[in-house]
Amino acid sequence: MDVDEPRLTNEEIAALARRIDRPVVLVGMMGVGKSSVGRKLAATLRLPFVDADEAIEEAAHMPIPDIFATFGEAYFRDGERRVIARLLDGESQERRSVIATGGGAFVNDQTRALILDKAIPVWLDCDVETLYERVGRKGNRPLLKQGDPREILTRLKTEREPFYAQAPIKVMSGNGPHARTVDQVLKGIDAWL
């Protein structure tokens, strides 16, 4: 976003929030900022925020790394799909929310179809170096424990981009303030609605 580009006014944000009739679902790579941007987006729109990974851990009664280690990725993806389906089918009050998904959720055909059908999908994207700086040295990402994190992030980004590109709204998330990314998401939703 250009520094001179005007931000949405509080009145424009309130009007946009009234037009949102289903969940806004953030998709994209691990470390792109779905949870942190999602929390700020939800607060800006005055909507509830749900982190799908936290909902999965709550439903499974165990942390995601333990689910991967004990049952494998296929089991995790099936549980992830079921939890996201439940979040998207929430009661009318819950249907107006902001949901941050895990990095692989939108790659699953069934989960992606649910999100495309029942939500406002927003692809948050950024370059591999930014992703690496955010998650490459942390030990809490099961998929990054299988080799060099930078190489894995590069491969996953390349493999997943065709899926993420199916989201109708794309916003670049850089190293700037989250408020800038939130504003771009708001403008993307406004243009799409």
C-alpha atoms as a PDB file:
ATOM      1  CA  MET A   1       0.000   0.000   0.000  1.00  0.00           C
ATOM      2  CA  ASP A   2       1.307   3.401  -0.886  1.00  0.00           C
ATOM      3  CA  VAL A   3       1.848   5.693   2.093  1.00  0.00           C
ATOM      4  CA  ASP A   4      -0.351   8.302   0.420  1.00  0.00           C
ATOM      5  CA  GLU A   5      -3.194   5.828  -0.208  1.00  0.00           C
ATOM      6  CA  PRO A   6      -6.115   6.761   2.060  1.00  0.00           C
ATOM      7  CA  ARG A   7      -7.275   4.331   4.698  1.00  0.00           C
ATOM      8  CA  LEU A   8     -10.936   3.436   5.069  1.00  0.00           C
ATOM      9  CA  THR A   9     -12.836   5.683   7.461  1.00  0.00           C
ATOM     10  CA  ASN A  10     -14.600   4.335  10.526  1.00  0.00           C
ATOM     11  CA  GLU A  11     -17.920   4.910   8.752  1.00  0.00           C
ATOM     12  CA  GLU A  12     -16.749   2.943   5.685  1.00  0.00           C
ATOM     13  CA  ILE A  13     -15.534   0.099   7.917  1.00  0.00           C
ATOM     14  CA  ALA A  14     -18.868   0.009   9.794  1.00  0.00           C
ATOM     15  CA  ALA A  15     -20.777  -0.054   6.482  1.00  0.00           C
ATOM     16  CA  LEU A  16     -18.548  -2.861   5.194  1.00  0.00           C
ATOM     17  CA  ALA A  17     -19.033  -4.880   8.396  1.00  0.00           C
ATOM     18  CA  ARG A  18     -22.817  -4.692   7.895  1.00  0.00           C
ATOM     19  CA  ARG A  19     -22.430  -6.088   4.349  1.00  0.00           C
ATOM     20  CA  ILE A  20     -20.448  -9.128   5.494  1.00  0.00           C
ATOM     21  CA  ASP A  21     -22.940 -11.981   5.730  1.00  0.00           C
ATOM     22  CA  ARG A  22     -20.615 -14.967   6.211  1.00  0.00           C
ATOM     23  CA  PRO A  23     -17.209 -15.735   7.709  1.00  0.00           C
ATOM     24  CA  VAL A  24     -14.084 -14.085   6.354  1.00  0.00           C
ATOM     25  CA  VAL A  25     -11.547 -16.924   6.102  1.00  0.00           C
ATOM     26  CA  LEU A  26      -7.832 -16.165   5.870  1.00  0.00           C
ATOM     27  CA  VAL A  27      -5.763 -18.711   3.939  1.00  0.00           C
ATOM     28  CA  GLY A  28      -2.075 -18.851   3.085  1.00  0.00           C
ATOM     29  CA  MET A  29       1.277 -20.203   4.176  1.00  0.00           C
ATOM     30  CA  MET A  30       2.318 -20.760   7.773  1.00  0.00           C
ATOM     31  CA  GLY A  31       3.865 -17.581   9.112  1.00  0.00           C
ATOM     32  CA  VAL A  32       2.122 -15.240   6.696  1.00  0.00           C
ATOM     33  CA  GLY A  33       0.216 -13.626   9.561  1.00  0.00           C
ATOM     34  CA  LYS A  34      -3.245 -15.178   9.337  1.00  0.00           C
ATOM     35  CA  SER A  35      -3.749 -15.288  13.108  1.00  0.00           C
ATOM     36  CA  SER A  36      -2.259 -11.895  13.966  1.00  0.00           C
ATOM     37  CA  VAL A  37      -3.861 -10.113  10.996  1.00  0.00           C
ATOM     38  CA  GLY A  38      -7.086 -12.050  11.641  1.00  0.00           C
ATOM     39  CA  ARG A  39      -7.298 -10.832  15.237  1.00  0.00           C
ATOM     40  CA  LYS A  40      -6.799  -7.209  14.145  1.00  0.00           C
ATOM     41  CA  LEU A  41      -9.255  -7.611  11.247  1.00  0.00           C
ATOM     42  CA  ALA A  42     -11.901  -9.075  13.565  1.00  0.00           C
ATOM     43  CA  ALA A  43     -11.395  -6.259  16.081  1.00  0.00           C
ATOM     44  CA  THR A  44     -11.648  -3.652  13.301  1.00  0.00           C
ATOM     45  CA  LEU A  45     -14.884  -5.179  11.979  1.00  0.00           C
ATOM     46  CA  ARG A  46     -16.150  -5.881  15.517  1.00  0.00           C
ATOM     47  CA  LEU A  47     -16.600  -9.557  14.683  1.00  0.00           C
ATOM     48  CA  PRO A  48     -15.553 -12.660  16.620  1.00  0.00           C
ATOM     49  CA  PHE A  49     -12.162 -14.186  15.773  1.00  0.00           C
ATOM     50  CA  VAL A  50     -11.512 -17.936  15.587  1.00  0.00           C
ATOM     51  CA  ASP A  51      -8.123 -19.558  15.075  1.00  0.00           C
ATOM     52  CA  ALA A  52      -8.931 -22.887  13.385  1.00  0.00           C
ATOM     53  CA  ASP A  53      -5.733 -24.467  14.737  1.00  0.00           C
ATOM     54  CA  GLU A  54      -6.794 -23.621  18.300  1.00  0.00           C
ATOM     55  CA  ALA A  55     -10.270 -25.054  17.595  1.00  0.00           C
ATOM     56  CA  ILE A  56      -8.648 -28.260  16.274  1.00  0.00           C
ATOM     57  CA  GLU A  57      -6.458 -28.591  19.374  1.00  0.00           C
ATOM     58  CA  GLU A  58      -9.499 -28.055  21.579  1.00  0.00           C
ATOM     59  CA  ALA A  59     -11.528 -30.680  19.688  1.00  0.00           C
ATOM     60  CA  ALA A  60      -8.657 -33.206  19.718  1.00  0.00           C
ATOM     61  CA  HIS A  61      -7.552 -32.429  23.281  1.00  0.00           C
ATOM     62  CA  MET A  62      -3.938 -32.332  22.106  1.00  0.00           C
ATOM     63  CA  PRO A  63      -1.497 -29.934  20.415  1.00  0.00           C
ATOM     64  CA  ILE A  64      -1.185 -30.064  16.629  1.00  0.00           C
ATOM     65  CA  PRO A  65       2.455 -31.299  16.695  1.00  0.00           C
ATOM     66  CA  ASP A  66       1.262 -34.241  18.828  1.00  0.00           C
ATOM     67  CA  ILE A  67      -1.599 -34.988  16.399  1.00  0.00           C
ATOM     68  CA  PHE A  68       0.902 -35.086  13.514  1.00  0.00           C
ATOM     69  CA  ALA A  69       3.363 -37.266  15.478  1.00  0.00           C
ATOM     70  CA  THR A  70       0.749 -39.690  16.791  1.00  0.00           C
ATOM     71  CA  PHE A  71      -1.686 -39.995  13.887  1.00  0.00           C
ATOM     72  CA  GLY A  72      -0.033 -38.431  10.815  1.00  0.00           C
ATOM     73  CA  GLU A  73      -0.905 -35.609   8.460  1.00  0.00           C
ATOM     74  CA  ALA A  74      -3.857 -37.336   6.723  1.00  0.00           C
ATOM     75  CA  TYR A  75      -5.633 -37.805  10.066  1.00  0.00           C
ATOM     76  CA  PHE A  76      -4.929 -34.177  10.988  1.00  0.00           C
ATOM     77  CA  ARG A  77      -6.285 -32.879   7.642  1.00  0.00           C
ATOM     78  CA  ASP A  78      -9.506 -34.851   8.071  1.00  0.00           C
ATOM     79  CA  GLY A  79     -10.011 -33.406  11.553  1.00  0.00           C
ATOM     80  CA  GLU A  80      -9.130 -29.943  10.266  1.00  0.00           C
ATOM     81  CA  ARG A  81     -11.787 -30.251   7.536  1.00  0.00           C
ATOM     82  CA  ARG A  82     -14.443 -31.302  10.049  1.00  0.00           C
ATOM     83  CA  VAL A  83     -13.621 -28.452  12.442  1.00  0.00           C
ATOM     84  CA  ILE A  84     -13.640 -25.854   9.641  1.00  0.00           C
ATOM     85  CA  ALA A  85     -16.964 -27.230   8.343  1.00  0.00           C
ATOM     86  CA  ARG A  86     -18.399 -26.815  11.866  1.00  0.00           C
ATOM     87  CA  LEU A  87     -17.058 -23.250  12.087  1.00  0.00           C
ATOM     88  CA  LEU A  88     -18.579 -22.367   8.700  1.00  0.00           C
ATOM     89  CA  ASP A  89     -21.949 -23.873   9.654  1.00  0.00           C
ATOM     90  CA  GLY A  90     -22.139 -21.978  12.939  1.00  0.00           C
ATOM     91  CA  GLU A  91     -25.234 -20.272  14.211  1.00  0.00           C
ATOM     92  CA  SER A  92     -26.174 -17.019  12.490  1.00  0.00           C
ATOM     93  CA  GLN A  93     -24.249 -14.911  15.017  1.00  0.00           C
ATOM     94  CA  GLU A  94     -21.124 -17.057  14.563  1.00  0.00           C
ATOM     95  CA  ARG A  95     -21.440 -16.977  10.778  1.00  0.00           C
ATOM     96  CA  ARG A  96     -20.225 -13.390  10.817  1.00  0.00           C
ATOM     97  CA  SER A  97     -16.675 -13.971  12.008  1.00  0.00           C
ATOM     98  CA  VAL A  98     -13.031 -13.940  10.974  1.00  0.00           C
ATOM     99  CA  ILE A  99     -11.372 -17.360  10.811  1.00  0.00           C
ATOM    100  CA  ALA A 100      -7.640 -17.986  10.449  1.00  0.00           C
ATOM    101  CA  THR A 101      -6.874 -21.405   8.951  1.00  0.00           C
ATOM    102  CA  GLY A 102      -3.742 -23.515   9.042  1.00  0.00           C
ATOM    103  CA  GLY A 103      -1.402 -23.298   6.059  1.00  0.00           C
ATOM    104  CA  GLY A 104      -2.504 -26.587   4.498  1.00  0.00           C
ATOM    105  CA  ALA A 105      -6.258 -26.269   5.040  1.00  0.00           C
ATOM    106  CA  PHE A 106      -7.037 -24.616   1.693  1.00  0.00           C
ATOM    107  CA  VAL A 107      -4.970 -27.252  -0.147  1.00  0.00           C
ATOM    108  CA  ASN A 108      -7.446 -29.967   0.840  1.00  0.00           C
ATOM    109  CA  ASP A 109     -10.066 -30.205  -1.942  1.00  0.00           C
ATOM    110  CA  GLN A 110     -13.045 -30.678   0.401  1.00  0.00           C
ATOM    111  CA  THR A 111     -11.972 -27.964   2.827  1.00  0.00           C
ATOM    112  CA  ARG A 112     -11.283 -25.526  -0.022  1.00  0.00           C
ATOM    113  CA  ALA A 113     -14.698 -26.238  -1.576  1.00  0.00           C
ATOM    114  CA  LEU A 114     -16.397 -25.556   1.781  1.00  0.00           C
ATOM    115  CA  ILE A 115     -14.531 -22.275   2.237  1.00  0.00           C
ATOM    116  CA  LEU A 116     -15.159 -21.116  -1.344  1.00  0.00           C
ATOM    117  CA  ASP A 117     -18.868 -21.942  -0.989  1.00  0.00           C
ATOM    118  CA  LYS A 118     -19.598 -20.656   2.508  1.00  0.00           C
ATOM    119  CA  ALA A 119     -17.088 -17.901   3.223  1.00  0.00           C
ATOM    120  CA  ILE A 120     -15.211 -14.879   1.950  1.00  0.00           C
ATOM    121  CA  PRO A 121     -11.768 -16.393   1.298  1.00  0.00           C
ATOM    122  CA  VAL A 122      -8.757 -14.054   1.527  1.00  0.00           C
ATOM    123  CA  TRP A 123      -5.291 -15.252   0.519  1.00  0.00           C
ATOM    124  CA  LEU A 124      -2.555 -13.603   2.548  1.00  0.00           C
ATOM    125  CA  ASP A 125       0.751 -13.970   0.714  1.00  0.00           C
ATOM    126  CA  CYS A 126       4.363 -12.932   1.286  1.00  0.00           C
ATOM    127  CA  ASP A 127       7.830 -13.879   0.124  1.00  0.00           C
ATOM    128  CA  VAL A 128       9.713 -16.946   1.374  1.00  0.00           C
ATOM    129  CA  GLU A 129      12.373 -14.904   3.193  1.00  0.00           C
ATOM    130  CA  THR A 130       9.717 -13.196   5.313  1.00  0.00           C
ATOM    131  CA  LEU A 131       8.120 -16.578   6.054  1.00  0.00           C
ATOM    132  CA  TYR A 132      11.506 -17.996   7.031  1.00  0.00           C
ATOM    133  CA  GLU A 133      12.206 -15.078   9.363  1.00  0.00           C
ATOM    134  CA  ARG A 134       8.848 -15.613  11.049  1.00  0.00           C
ATOM    135  CA  VAL A 135       8.777 -19.420  11.402  1.00  0.00           C
ATOM    136  CA  GLY A 136      11.996 -20.999  10.114  1.00  0.00           C
ATOM    137  CA  ARG A 137      13.824 -21.128  13.433  1.00  0.00           C
ATOM    138  CA  LYS A 138      10.879 -22.091  15.618  1.00  0.00           C
ATOM    139  CA  GLY A 139      10.427 -25.720  16.537  1.00  0.00           C
ATOM    140  CA  ASN A 140       6.613 -25.768  16.645  1.00  0.00           C
ATOM    141  CA  ARG A 141       5.876 -26.382  12.950  1.00  0.00           C
ATOM    142  CA  PRO A 142       5.645 -30.150  12.229  1.00  0.00           C
ATOM    143  CA  LEU A 143       6.171 -29.778   8.465  1.00  0.00           C
ATOM    144  CA  LEU A 144       9.433 -27.849   8.991  1.00  0.00           C
ATOM    145  CA  LYS A 145      11.021 -30.626  11.051  1.00  0.00           C
ATOM    146  CA  GLN A 146      11.611 -32.763   7.958  1.00  0.00           C
ATOM    147  CA  GLY A 147      14.674 -30.956   6.580  1.00  0.00           C
ATOM    148  CA  ASP A 148      15.951 -27.458   5.831  1.00  0.00           C
ATOM    149  CA  PRO A 149      13.123 -25.033   6.780  1.00  0.00           C
ATOM    150  CA  ARG A 150      13.919 -22.524   3.998  1.00  0.00           C
ATOM    151  CA  GLU A 151      13.840 -25.274   1.333  1.00  0.00           C
ATOM    152  CA  ILE A 152      10.629 -26.735   2.769  1.00  0.00           C
ATOM    153  CA  LEU A 153       8.945 -23.311   2.843  1.00  0.00           C
ATOM    154  CA  THR A 154      10.013 -22.665  -0.757  1.00  0.00           C
ATOM    155  CA  ARG A 155       8.688 -26.056  -1.905  1.00  0.00           C
ATOM    156  CA  LEU A 156       5.415 -25.747   0.039  1.00  0.00           C
ATOM    157  CA  LYS A 157       4.811 -22.214  -1.257  1.00  0.00           C
ATOM    158  CA  THR A 158       5.338 -23.364  -4.849  1.00  0.00           C
ATOM    159  CA  GLU A 159       3.101 -26.419  -4.390  1.00  0.00           C
ATOM    160  CA  ARG A 160       0.329 -24.547  -2.607  1.00  0.00           C
ATOM    161  CA  GLU A 161       0.103 -21.337  -4.639  1.00  0.00           C
ATOM    162  CA  PRO A 162      -2.237 -22.829  -7.302  1.00  0.00           C
ATOM    163  CA  PHE A 163      -4.679 -23.682  -4.493  1.00  0.00           C
ATOM    164  CA  TYR A 164      -4.348 -20.358  -2.657  1.00  0.00           C
ATOM    165  CA  ALA A 165      -4.818 -18.546  -5.992  1.00  0.00           C
ATOM    166  CA  GLN A 166      -8.409 -19.847  -6.084  1.00  0.00           C
ATOM    167  CA  ALA A 167      -9.292 -17.416  -3.285  1.00  0.00           C
ATOM    168  CA  PRO A 168     -11.002 -14.406  -4.881  1.00  0.00           C
ATOM    169  CA  ILE A 169      -9.110 -11.871  -2.738  1.00  0.00           C
ATOM    170  CA  LYS A 170      -5.300 -11.727  -2.502  1.00  0.00           C
ATOM    171  CA  VAL A 171      -3.364  -9.411  -0.189  1.00  0.00           C
ATOM    172  CA  MET A 172       0.411  -9.195   0.227  1.00  0.00           C
ATOM    173  CA  SER A 173       1.538  -9.270   3.853  1.00  0.00           C
ATOM    174  CA  GLY A 174       4.946  -7.700   4.304  1.00  0.00           C
ATOM    175  CA  ASN A 175       7.068  -6.680   7.252  1.00  0.00           C
ATOM    176  CA  GLY A 176       5.131  -3.438   7.757  1.00  0.00           C
ATOM    177  CA  PRO A 177       2.485  -2.867  10.405  1.00  0.00           C
ATOM    178  CA  HIS A 178      -0.437  -5.291  10.474  1.00  0.00           C
ATOM    179  CA  ALA A 179      -2.777  -2.295  10.219  1.00  0.00           C
ATOM    180  CA  ARG A 180      -1.589  -1.815   6.629  1.00  0.00           C
ATOM    181  CA  THR A 181      -2.392  -5.441   5.749  1.00  0.00           C
ATOM    182  CA  VAL A 182      -5.768  -5.218   7.509  1.00  0.00           C
ATOM    183  CA  ASP A 183      -6.619  -2.120   5.476  1.00  0.00           C
ATOM    184  CA  GLN A 184      -5.759  -3.938   2.252  1.00  0.00           C
ATOM    185  CA  VAL A 185      -7.924  -6.899   3.298  1.00  0.00           C
ATOM    186  CA  LEU A 186     -10.827  -4.538   4.048  1.00  0.00           C
ATOM    187  CA  LYS A 187     -10.457  -2.907   0.630  1.00  0.00           C
ATOM    188  CA  GLY A 188     -10.280  -6.331  -1.048  1.00  0.00           C
ATOM    189  CA  ILE A 189     -13.467  -7.504   0.678  1.00  0.00           C
ATOM    190  CA  ASP A 190     -15.215  -4.228  -0.142  1.00  0.00           C
ATOM    191  CA  ALA A 191     -14.325  -4.547  -3.845  1.00  0.00           C
ATOM    192  CA  TRP A 192     -15.336  -8.236  -3.937  1.00  0.00           C
ATOM    193  CA  LEU A 193     -18.701  -7.767  -2.216  1.00  0.00           C
END
